[in-house]
Amino acid sequence: MAGVTYKTRQLRRRYTERSFATLAVVGLAFWLLINLIKSPTQFFEVTFTGLSNGILYALIALGYTLVYGIIELINFAHGDLFMLGGLFSAHFITLWFGQNHPSTTGWGVLALCLIAVMIFCATINVAIERFAYRRLRRAPKLAPLITAVGMSF
């Protein structure tokens, strides 16, 4: 091993990592294919549920990064306000429009619901920013952090 150079070790390591990664991807694809063949209905249900949850997590993470990039504050209330919007949309669709099951007017109700929820959540977020965070722009970093946790509660 004394004659092996640093570059040779790096190439060996890279080759080993790529081999294991390829093996893992092929194994995962094979496992997914077996599950698709055994029970296609369950496979698509689980896939849809996983994609729905993943998209929701991605939206919340995107919101966190946008808020942090703009006001340089980790807004702990962001996820709570996101959930409040979801609850408001469920309330809006079921109680205001009586849509308990899919119908032909569903797309129109969804469009109205999206507009109403955007207005509702934007109003709450602007109010929180104006009354809680704006006054703490030049404060030490701990004060806005504690305020963000308070807004989450």
Foldseek 3Di string as FASTA:
>chain_A
DVPDDPVNVVVVVVVVVVVVVVVVVVVVVVVLVVVCVVDVVVSVVVVVVVVVVVVVVVVLVVVQVVVCVPLVARQPQSVVLVVVLVVQLVCQCCPVVVPPDDDPCVVVSVVVSVVVSVVVSVVVVVVCCVPPVVVCSPPPRVRVNVSSVVSND
